[in-house]
Amino acid sequence: MIGAFAWLTTGRLVAAALQAVTFGALAVLVGPSELGVVGSVVATLTVLQAVWDLGLSTYLVRTRAEAPDDGRVRSAVVLSRLTTGPLLVSGALAGWLVLAVLDGGSLAPVLPLAVWAAAERNAETVAGIAIADGRAPLATANLVVRRAVAAVGFAALCAGGTEPVLAYGTAMATGALLSVVWLNAANRRRLPDGHRAPLSQVVREARPFWVNTVAVQARNLDVPIVALTGGATAGGLYSLASRTTVPLRLVPTSLAVALLPHATRASDTAARRRVLSHLAWLVSGVAAVYVLLAACVPVLVEALPVLHEYRPAVLSVQIMLLALPFGAVASVCTSLLQGYGDAGFVSRAAVTMSAVALVGAGFGALVAGAAGAAVAYGVALLLQAALLARRLVGHHRAAPSVRATPVSTTPRAEEARP
């Protein structure tokens, strides 16, 4: 687990830096108001990615780790490909609708961003096979190259005179397309041949993962909600805080992804304690980094004149950074509970807390602008972390011990226990 986490975290940190620089450069070029519109389109597309994912990205990791040659693995990959077209079409329509509502100007960037959403969703789903197989370096390299292509492409297009928002969408789409081609080629020989499970079975089994994914990603609608209730400028400031901290959320996400196969195989108290023993200091270290970054934000903004226009966003960024440790706890608890077979509870908790986050963001923006919306988001993460941690404690108290496990018990029977 530590090796997979190290690879995923290192790669995602590099990718996060590239993504933050790319979005930061866009912010400097377009200003807060237009950035709020772009952020709203990207947020809407991110939610659609989760809707059309059908829970397959998480389902693939768990199923592949549990039964590598199961026909459900190939069926899940086929289903992911089948939903790529509908995601592209609905993404283009949704982007157009967001621009119309927010009076965001040109429709030219919408199609490239829709292509990015469809291709990246497919790449992230197929990457789950490599992670479950213990090939974390492949998934890591793919992610870094994807972000690097987007960053270099954005810089090149802007230097050539392309409008910044169009350049951003085109560069992101190019990186995602290269990524999905690479991953599908790398995994082609590793997928089991022959029998495939019915697609309806895969959809049914993946449903709890899908509900959780949609509920969590629905929180990205906080950006357009803040723009609608607090105004375009507040939406832009909040979008900067939200989008620049999104890459940092990849660290606990990578930990959760690396953890899922091990949680799936952990069937007794001793095994689960071994998994948890590696987590306490990892989560604590991640939290310490977030707090340190929150303290450094004002200094960074003052040191870079190009960011002076975004001084009002400093408090929002700091609040989001201080909330991320709770997000790390929630991500880890989510992965453990899904591995223990409690995906239903996880999905219900995610739906409830996402509703809290979105309603709170709208109300917070009315009362205190971008900072109020950031506080609401942080409270939702805190509540979700507490709820999931309490459930996890109950699982560990109920888990069978190694000594109590009969020798004749089959591994799969033990793994099926909640």
Protein backbone atom coordinates (compact mmCIF):
# COMPACT_ATOMS: atom_id res chain seq x y z
CA MET A 1 0.00 0.00 0.00
CA ILE A 2 2.78 2.46 0.92
CA GLY A 3 4.50 1.95 -2.44
CA ALA A 4 1.31 2.55 -4.41
CA PHE A 5 0.49 5.58 -2.27
CA ALA A 6 4.00 6.99 -2.76
CA TRP A 7 3.79 6.66 -6.53
CA LEU A 8 0.25 8.03 -6.75
CA THR A 9 0.91 10.89 -4.35
CA THR A 10 4.18 11.97 -5.98
CA GLY A 11 2.60 11.92 -9.42
CA ARG A 12 -0.53 13.69 -8.29
CA LEU A 13 1.45 16.38 -6.52
CA VAL A 14 3.39 17.08 -9.72
CA ALA A 15 0.16 16.96 -11.72
CA ALA A 16 -1.50 19.22 -9.15
CA ALA A 17 1.26 21.78 -9.50
CA LEU A 18 0.95 21.75 -13.29
CA GLN A 19 -2.84 22.08 -13.10
CA ALA A 20 -2.66 24.90 -10.55
CA VAL A 21 -0.14 26.81 -12.68
CA THR A 22 -2.29 26.38 -15.80
CA PHE A 23 -5.48 27.55 -14.10
CA GLY A 24 -3.60 30.34 -12.31
CA ALA A 25 -2.24 31.59 -15.63
CA LEU A 26 -5.77 31.58 -17.04
CA ALA A 27 -6.93 33.58 -14.00
CA VAL A 28 -4.29 36.22 -14.63
CA LEU A 29 -5.22 36.49 -18.31
CA VAL A 30 -9.01 36.74 -18.00
CA GLY A 31 -9.84 38.36 -14.62
CA PRO A 32 -12.26 37.33 -11.83
CA SER A 33 -15.58 37.77 -13.67
CA GLU A 34 -14.73 35.68 -16.74
CA LEU A 35 -12.91 33.17 -14.55
CA GLY A 36 -16.15 32.65 -12.64
CA VAL A 37 -17.91 31.69 -15.87
CA VAL A 38 -15.13 29.28 -16.92
CA GLY A 39 -15.05 27.79 -13.44
CA SER A 40 -18.82 27.27 -13.58
CA VAL A 41 -18.57 25.42 -16.91
CA VAL A 42 -15.72 23.22 -15.66
CA ALA A 43 -17.60 22.50 -12.42
CA THR A 44 -20.73 21.48 -14.33
CA LEU A 45 -18.72 19.18 -16.59
CA THR A 46 -17.06 17.60 -13.56
CA VAL A 47 -20.48 16.71 -12.18
CA LEU A 48 -21.50 15.22 -15.52
CA GLN A 49 -18.33 13.12 -15.47
CA ALA A 50 -19.54 11.59 -12.22
CA VAL A 51 -23.07 11.08 -13.55
CA TRP A 52 -21.89 9.16 -16.63
CA ASP A 53 -19.17 7.34 -14.70
CA LEU A 54 -21.92 5.11 -13.20
CA GLY A 55 -19.57 4.33 -10.30
CA LEU A 56 -17.36 2.27 -12.62
CA SER A 57 -14.03 3.90 -11.71
CA THR A 58 -14.26 2.73 -8.09
CA TYR A 59 -16.08 -0.49 -8.97
CA LEU A 60 -13.30 -1.49 -11.37
CA VAL A 61 -10.58 -1.10 -8.74
CA ARG A 62 -12.50 -3.14 -6.16
CA THR A 63 -13.59 -5.89 -8.57
CA ARG A 64 -10.17 -6.22 -10.20
CA ALA A 65 -8.50 -6.47 -6.77
CA GLU A 66 -11.01 -9.05 -5.58
CA ALA A 67 -11.20 -11.21 -8.73
CA PRO A 68 -8.74 -10.19 -11.50
CA ASP A 69 -10.15 -12.52 -14.18
CA ASP A 70 -13.81 -11.86 -13.47
CA GLY A 71 -15.92 -11.12 -16.55
CA ARG A 72 -17.33 -8.07 -14.78
CA VAL A 73 -14.01 -6.25 -15.31
CA ARG A 74 -14.22 -6.32 -19.11
CA SER A 75 -17.93 -5.50 -19.00
CA ALA A 76 -17.21 -2.44 -16.86
CA VAL A 77 -14.61 -1.23 -19.37
CA VAL A 78 -17.06 -1.74 -22.26
CA LEU A 79 -19.77 0.13 -20.36
CA SER A 80 -17.39 3.02 -19.69
CA ARG A 81 -16.72 3.33 -23.42
CA LEU A 82 -20.42 3.22 -24.25
CA THR A 83 -21.16 6.18 -21.98
CA THR A 84 -18.40 8.38 -23.42
CA GLY A 85 -20.57 9.61 -26.31
CA PRO A 86 -23.53 10.64 -24.13
CA LEU A 87 -21.13 12.44 -21.79
CA LEU A 88 -19.66 14.41 -24.69
CA VAL A 89 -23.07 15.47 -25.99
CA SER A 90 -24.57 16.31 -22.59
CA GLY A 91 -21.37 18.14 -21.64
CA ALA A 92 -21.56 20.39 -24.70
CA LEU A 93 -25.23 21.14 -24.05
CA ALA A 94 -24.64 21.82 -20.35
CA GLY A 95 -21.71 24.14 -21.11
CA TRP A 96 -23.85 26.09 -23.55
CA LEU A 97 -26.61 26.38 -20.93
CA VAL A 98 -24.21 27.66 -18.26
CA LEU A 99 -22.86 30.31 -20.64
CA ALA A 100 -26.40 31.36 -21.54
CA VAL A 101 -27.48 31.70 -17.90
CA LEU A 102 -24.35 33.57 -16.83
CA ASP A 103 -24.10 35.58 -20.07
CA GLY A 104 -20.58 34.26 -20.52
CA GLY A 105 -19.94 35.24 -24.14
CA SER A 106 -18.41 32.99 -26.83
CA LEU A 107 -19.47 29.34 -27.16
CA ALA A 108 -16.17 28.36 -28.83
CA PRO A 109 -14.51 26.94 -25.66
CA VAL A 110 -17.46 24.68 -24.81
CA LEU A 111 -16.78 21.83 -27.25
CA PRO A 112 -13.06 21.42 -26.34
CA LEU A 113 -13.97 21.36 -22.65
CA ALA A 114 -16.67 18.75 -23.33
CA VAL A 115 -14.08 16.63 -25.18
CA TRP A 116 -11.76 17.01 -22.18
CA ALA A 117 -14.49 15.86 -19.79
CA ALA A 118 -15.34 12.74 -21.83
CA ALA A 119 -11.75 11.69 -22.51
CA GLU A 120 -10.49 12.30 -18.98
CA ARG A 121 -13.39 10.37 -17.44
CA ASN A 122 -12.54 7.37 -19.63
CA ALA A 123 -8.84 7.62 -18.78
CA GLU A 124 -9.47 7.77 -15.03
CA THR A 125 -11.75 4.72 -15.21
CA VAL A 126 -9.27 2.57 -17.13
CA ALA A 127 -6.42 3.73 -14.85
CA GLY A 128 -8.19 1.82 -12.06
CA ILE A 129 -7.11 -1.46 -13.69
CA ALA A 130 -3.44 -0.50 -13.48
CA ILE A 131 -3.82 0.58 -9.84
CA ALA A 132 -5.58 -2.64 -8.82
CA ASP A 133 -2.85 -4.65 -10.61
CA GLY A 134 -0.11 -2.91 -8.63
CA ARG A 135 1.04 -0.84 -11.62
CA ALA A 136 0.74 2.52 -9.92
CA PRO A 137 3.76 3.94 -11.85
CA LEU A 138 1.81 3.62 -15.11
CA ALA A 139 -1.20 5.51 -13.74
CA THR A 140 1.12 8.12 -12.25
CA ALA A 141 3.12 8.69 -15.42
CA ASN A 142 -0.07 8.94 -17.45
CA LEU A 143 -1.54 11.60 -15.16
CA VAL A 144 1.65 13.69 -15.11
CA VAL A 145 2.01 13.57 -18.89
CA ARG A 146 -1.66 14.53 -19.28
CA ARG A 147 -1.23 17.64 -17.15
CA ALA A 148 2.13 18.50 -18.72
CA VAL A 149 0.67 18.37 -22.23
CA ALA A 150 -2.18 20.63 -21.09
CA ALA A 151 0.20 23.15 -19.49
CA VAL A 152 2.60 23.29 -22.43
CA GLY A 153 -0.24 23.36 -24.93
CA PHE A 154 -1.95 26.22 -23.12
CA ALA A 155 1.26 28.26 -23.06
CA ALA A 156 1.95 27.57 -26.74
CA LEU A 157 -1.57 28.44 -27.87
CA CYS A 158 -1.63 31.67 -25.86
CA ALA A 159 1.77 32.62 -27.25
CA GLY A 160 0.37 32.04 -30.74
CA GLY A 161 -2.47 34.48 -30.13
CA THR A 162 -5.32 32.10 -29.28
CA GLU A 163 -7.99 33.49 -26.95
CA PRO A 164 -7.09 32.28 -23.39
CA VAL A 165 -10.30 30.40 -22.57
CA LEU A 166 -10.29 28.61 -25.93
CA ALA A 167 -6.60 27.83 -25.48
CA TYR A 168 -7.31 26.38 -22.04
CA GLY A 169 -10.09 24.09 -23.28
CA THR A 170 -8.11 22.94 -26.33
CA ALA A 171 -4.99 22.17 -24.30
CA MET A 172 -6.95 20.24 -21.67
CA ALA A 173 -8.73 18.22 -24.37
CA THR A 174 -5.45 17.37 -26.11
CA GLY A 175 -3.84 16.09 -22.91
CA ALA A 176 -6.89 13.99 -22.03
CA LEU A 177 -7.12 12.41 -25.51
CA LEU A 178 -3.46 11.37 -25.47
CA SER A 179 -3.96 9.99 -21.97
CA VAL A 180 -6.93 7.79 -22.83
CA VAL A 181 -5.25 6.36 -25.95
CA TRP A 182 -2.14 5.47 -23.95
CA LEU A 183 -4.00 3.79 -21.07
CA ASN A 184 -6.31 1.74 -23.27
CA ALA A 185 -3.35 0.50 -25.30
CA ALA A 186 -1.43 -0.42 -22.13
CA ASN A 187 -4.35 -2.36 -20.64
CA ARG A 188 -5.56 -4.13 -23.79
CA ARG A 189 -3.63 -7.36 -23.19
CA ARG A 190 -4.41 -7.45 -19.49
CA LEU A 191 -8.18 -7.61 -19.78
CA PRO A 192 -9.65 -11.12 -19.46
CA ASP A 193 -10.84 -12.66 -22.72
CA GLY A 194 -13.95 -14.69 -23.24
CA HIS A 195 -16.83 -14.46 -20.78
CA ARG A 196 -18.34 -11.07 -20.03
CA ALA A 197 -20.87 -10.42 -17.33
CA PRO A 198 -24.20 -8.83 -18.33
CA LEU A 199 -23.96 -5.05 -18.39
CA SER A 200 -27.10 -4.84 -16.26
CA GLN A 201 -25.31 -6.79 -13.51
CA VAL A 202 -22.38 -4.37 -13.55
CA VAL A 203 -24.71 -1.35 -13.42
CA ARG A 204 -26.59 -2.86 -10.48
CA GLU A 205 -23.46 -3.74 -8.49
CA ALA A 206 -21.80 -0.39 -9.19
CA ARG A 207 -24.85 1.63 -8.14
CA PRO A 208 -23.72 2.40 -4.53
CA PHE A 209 -20.34 3.60 -5.85
CA TRP A 210 -22.13 5.70 -8.45
CA VAL A 211 -24.37 7.39 -5.90
CA ASN A 212 -21.35 8.26 -3.77
CA THR A 213 -19.36 9.58 -6.75
CA VAL A 214 -22.22 11.73 -8.03
CA ALA A 215 -22.95 13.09 -4.56
CA VAL A 216 -19.32 14.02 -3.94
CA GLN A 217 -18.78 15.55 -7.38
CA ALA A 218 -22.08 17.42 -7.18
CA ARG A 219 -20.31 19.72 -4.76
CA ASN A 220 -18.56 21.20 -7.78
CA LEU A 221 -21.85 22.94 -8.49
CA ASP A 222 -20.92 25.24 -5.63
CA VAL A 223 -19.09 27.47 -8.14
CA PRO A 224 -22.11 28.24 -10.37
CA ILE A 225 -24.33 28.49 -7.26
CA VAL A 226 -22.01 31.09 -5.73
CA ALA A 227 -21.87 32.95 -9.06
CA LEU A 228 -25.68 33.03 -9.18
CA THR A 229 -26.28 34.07 -5.57
CA GLY A 230 -23.20 36.19 -4.88
CA GLY A 231 -22.53 37.64 -8.32
CA ALA A 232 -19.95 36.95 -11.04
CA THR A 233 -17.05 38.52 -9.14
CA ALA A 234 -17.75 36.50 -5.99
CA GLY A 235 -18.06 33.44 -8.21
CA GLY A 236 -14.67 34.18 -9.73
CA LEU A 237 -12.99 34.62 -6.35
CA TYR A 238 -14.58 31.46 -5.02
CA SER A 239 -13.72 29.60 -8.22
CA LEU A 240 -10.06 30.54 -7.77
CA ALA A 241 -10.12 29.22 -4.20
CA SER A 242 -11.96 26.07 -5.24
CA ARG A 243 -10.04 25.22 -8.42
CA THR A 244 -6.57 25.94 -7.01
CA THR A 245 -7.23 23.66 -4.05
CA VAL A 246 -8.78 20.87 -6.16
CA PRO A 247 -5.31 19.56 -7.11
CA LEU A 248 -4.42 19.31 -3.41
CA ARG A 249 -7.48 17.10 -2.89
CA LEU A 250 -5.79 14.60 -5.19
CA VAL A 251 -3.42 13.63 -2.36
CA PRO A 252 -6.05 12.09 -0.05
CA THR A 253 -7.83 10.79 -3.15
CA SER A 254 -4.69 8.93 -4.24
CA LEU A 255 -4.37 7.54 -0.73
CA ALA A 256 -7.96 6.32 -0.88
CA VAL A 257 -7.44 4.72 -4.29
CA ALA A 258 -4.26 2.96 -3.14
CA LEU A 259 -6.08 1.83 0.00
CA LEU A 260 -9.16 0.29 -1.65
CA PRO A 261 -7.60 -3.00 -2.87
CA HIS A 262 -6.05 -3.60 0.56
CA ALA A 263 -9.28 -2.77 2.38
CA THR A 264 -11.13 -5.18 0.07
CA ARG A 265 -8.79 -8.04 1.07
CA ALA A 266 -8.68 -7.19 4.80
CA SER A 267 -11.14 -9.57 6.46
CA ASP A 268 -10.20 -9.61 10.16
CA THR A 269 -9.22 -7.25 12.95
CA ALA A 270 -5.47 -7.79 12.61
CA ALA A 271 -5.49 -7.13 8.86
CA ARG A 272 -7.59 -4.01 9.25
CA ARG A 273 -5.36 -2.71 12.01
CA ARG A 274 -2.34 -3.16 9.76
CA VAL A 275 -4.03 -1.03 7.13
CA LEU A 276 -4.93 1.65 9.67
CA SER A 277 -1.45 1.67 11.19
CA HIS A 278 -0.08 3.06 7.94
CA LEU A 279 -2.75 5.74 7.73
CA ALA A 280 -2.57 7.80 10.91
CA TRP A 281 0.79 9.41 10.19
CA LEU A 282 0.04 9.76 6.47
CA VAL A 283 -3.18 11.70 7.08
CA SER A 284 -1.49 13.75 9.82
CA GLY A 285 1.35 14.66 7.45
CA VAL A 286 -1.06 15.71 4.73
CA ALA A 287 -3.00 17.86 7.22
CA ALA A 288 0.20 19.59 8.40
CA VAL A 289 1.11 20.50 4.82
CA TYR A 290 -2.33 22.01 4.22
CA VAL A 291 -2.11 24.15 7.35
CA LEU A 292 1.36 25.36 6.35
CA LEU A 293 0.15 26.28 2.88
CA ALA A 294 -2.77 28.24 4.38
CA ALA A 295 -0.27 30.33 6.37
CA CYS A 296 1.81 30.99 3.25
CA VAL A 297 -1.01 32.17 0.96
CA PRO A 298 -0.96 35.90 1.94
CA VAL A 299 2.82 36.05 1.50
CA LEU A 300 2.58 34.41 -1.92
CA VAL A 301 -0.11 36.82 -3.14
CA GLU A 302 1.85 39.86 -1.97
CA ALA A 303 5.06 38.55 -3.54
CA LEU A 304 3.49 38.13 -6.99
CA PRO A 305 2.11 41.40 -8.42
CA VAL A 306 0.06 39.56 -11.04
CA LEU A 307 -2.06 38.11 -8.19
CA HIS A 308 -2.84 41.43 -6.49
CA GLU A 309 -6.19 41.55 -8.29
CA TYR A 310 -7.13 38.40 -6.34
CA ARG A 311 -6.31 39.68 -2.85
CA PRO A 312 -10.01 39.38 -1.84
CA ALA A 313 -9.73 35.62 -2.50
CA VAL A 314 -6.98 35.07 0.10
CA LEU A 315 -9.35 34.34 2.99
CA SER A 316 -11.40 31.94 0.85
CA VAL A 317 -8.29 30.04 -0.19
CA GLN A 318 -7.13 29.79 3.42
CA ILE A 319 -10.52 28.49 4.59
CA MET A 320 -10.54 25.86 1.84
CA LEU A 321 -7.03 24.74 2.76
CA LEU A 322 -7.94 24.39 6.43
CA ALA A 323 -10.98 22.32 5.44
CA LEU A 324 -8.98 19.87 3.32
CA PRO A 325 -7.70 17.76 6.27
CA PHE A 326 -11.32 16.84 6.99
CA GLY A 327 -11.66 15.93 3.33
CA ALA A 328 -8.63 13.66 3.69
CA VAL A 329 -10.25 11.86 6.63
CA ALA A 330 -13.51 11.51 4.68
CA SER A 331 -11.69 10.11 1.62
CA VAL A 332 -9.81 7.50 3.65
CA CYS A 333 -12.92 6.45 5.59
CA THR A 334 -14.89 6.23 2.33
CA SER A 335 -12.36 3.88 0.78
CA LEU A 336 -12.16 1.68 3.87
CA LEU A 337 -15.92 1.41 4.24
CA GLN A 338 -16.35 0.61 0.53
CA GLY A 339 -13.68 -2.07 0.86
CA TYR A 340 -15.53 -3.51 3.87
CA GLY A 341 -18.73 -3.77 1.83
CA ASP A 342 -20.52 -0.74 3.30
CA ALA A 343 -20.82 1.30 0.10
CA GLY A 344 -24.53 1.93 0.75
CA PHE A 345 -23.91 3.90 3.94
CA VAL A 346 -21.08 5.81 2.27
CA SER A 347 -23.36 6.88 -0.58
CA ARG A 348 -26.13 8.04 1.78
CA ALA A 349 -23.67 10.09 3.81
CA ALA A 350 -22.25 11.66 0.65
CA VAL A 351 -25.69 12.66 -0.62
CA THR A 352 -26.61 14.30 2.69
CA MET A 353 -23.36 16.21 3.07
CA SER A 354 -23.36 17.36 -0.55
CA ALA A 355 -26.80 18.87 0.00
CA VAL A 356 -25.43 20.65 3.08
CA ALA A 357 -22.44 21.94 1.08
CA LEU A 358 -24.49 23.27 -1.84
CA VAL A 359 -27.25 24.90 0.21
CA GLY A 360 -24.62 26.32 2.54
CA ALA A 361 -22.58 27.70 -0.37
CA GLY A 362 -25.56 29.58 -1.73
CA PHE A 363 -26.52 30.99 1.66
CA GLY A 364 -22.90 31.75 2.60
CA ALA A 365 -22.36 33.66 -0.64
CA LEU A 366 -25.40 35.81 0.08
CA VAL A 367 -24.20 36.60 3.60
CA ALA A 368 -20.43 36.86 3.24
CA GLY A 369 -19.49 36.35 -0.41
CA ALA A 370 -16.79 33.88 -1.38
CA ALA A 371 -15.52 33.48 2.21
CA GLY A 372 -19.00 32.54 3.45
CA ALA A 373 -19.32 29.91 0.73
CA ALA A 374 -15.89 28.49 1.67
CA VAL A 375 -16.96 28.18 5.32
CA ALA A 376 -20.06 26.24 4.28
CA TYR A 377 -17.95 23.85 2.22
CA GLY A 378 -15.58 23.30 5.14
CA VAL A 379 -18.43 22.56 7.55
CA ALA A 380 -19.82 19.94 5.16
CA LEU A 381 -16.41 18.20 4.99
CA LEU A 382 -16.13 18.25 8.79
CA LEU A 383 -19.57 16.69 9.24
CA GLN A 384 -18.94 14.00 6.64
CA ALA A 385 -15.57 13.08 8.16
CA ALA A 386 -17.14 12.73 11.61
CA LEU A 387 -20.04 10.63 10.31
CA LEU A 388 -17.83 8.22 8.36
CA ALA A 389 -15.23 7.93 11.12
CA ARG A 390 -17.94 6.92 13.58
CA ARG A 391 -19.17 4.24 11.19
CA LEU A 392 -15.63 2.97 10.67
CA VAL A 393 -15.11 2.58 14.43
CA GLY A 394 -18.19 0.36 14.52
CA HIS A 395 -16.78 -1.85 11.75
CA HIS A 396 -13.51 -2.37 13.58
CA ARG A 397 -15.29 -3.31 16.77
CA ALA A 398 -17.39 -5.88 14.90
CA ALA A 399 -14.58 -7.39 12.77
CA PRO A 400 -13.63 -11.03 13.48
CA SER A 401 -10.20 -11.69 14.93
CA VAL A 402 -7.60 -13.91 13.27
CA ARG A 403 -7.74 -16.45 16.08
CA ALA A 404 -11.51 -16.70 15.85
CA THR A 405 -11.39 -17.43 12.13
CA PRO A 406 -11.87 -21.17 11.35
CA VAL A 407 -9.22 -22.65 9.10
CA SER A 408 -11.86 -24.12 6.80
CA THR A 409 -13.48 -20.73 6.09
CA THR A 410 -12.96 -19.61 2.49
CA PRO A 411 -11.32 -16.20 1.90
CA ARG A 412 -14.22 -14.94 -0.20
CA ALA A 413 -16.73 -15.76 2.53
CA GLU A 414 -14.72 -13.78 5.02
CA GLU A 415 -14.34 -10.84 2.64
CA ALA A 416 -18.09 -10.69 2.18
CA ARG A 417 -18.65 -9.80 5.82
CA PRO A 418 -19.43 -6.12 6.44
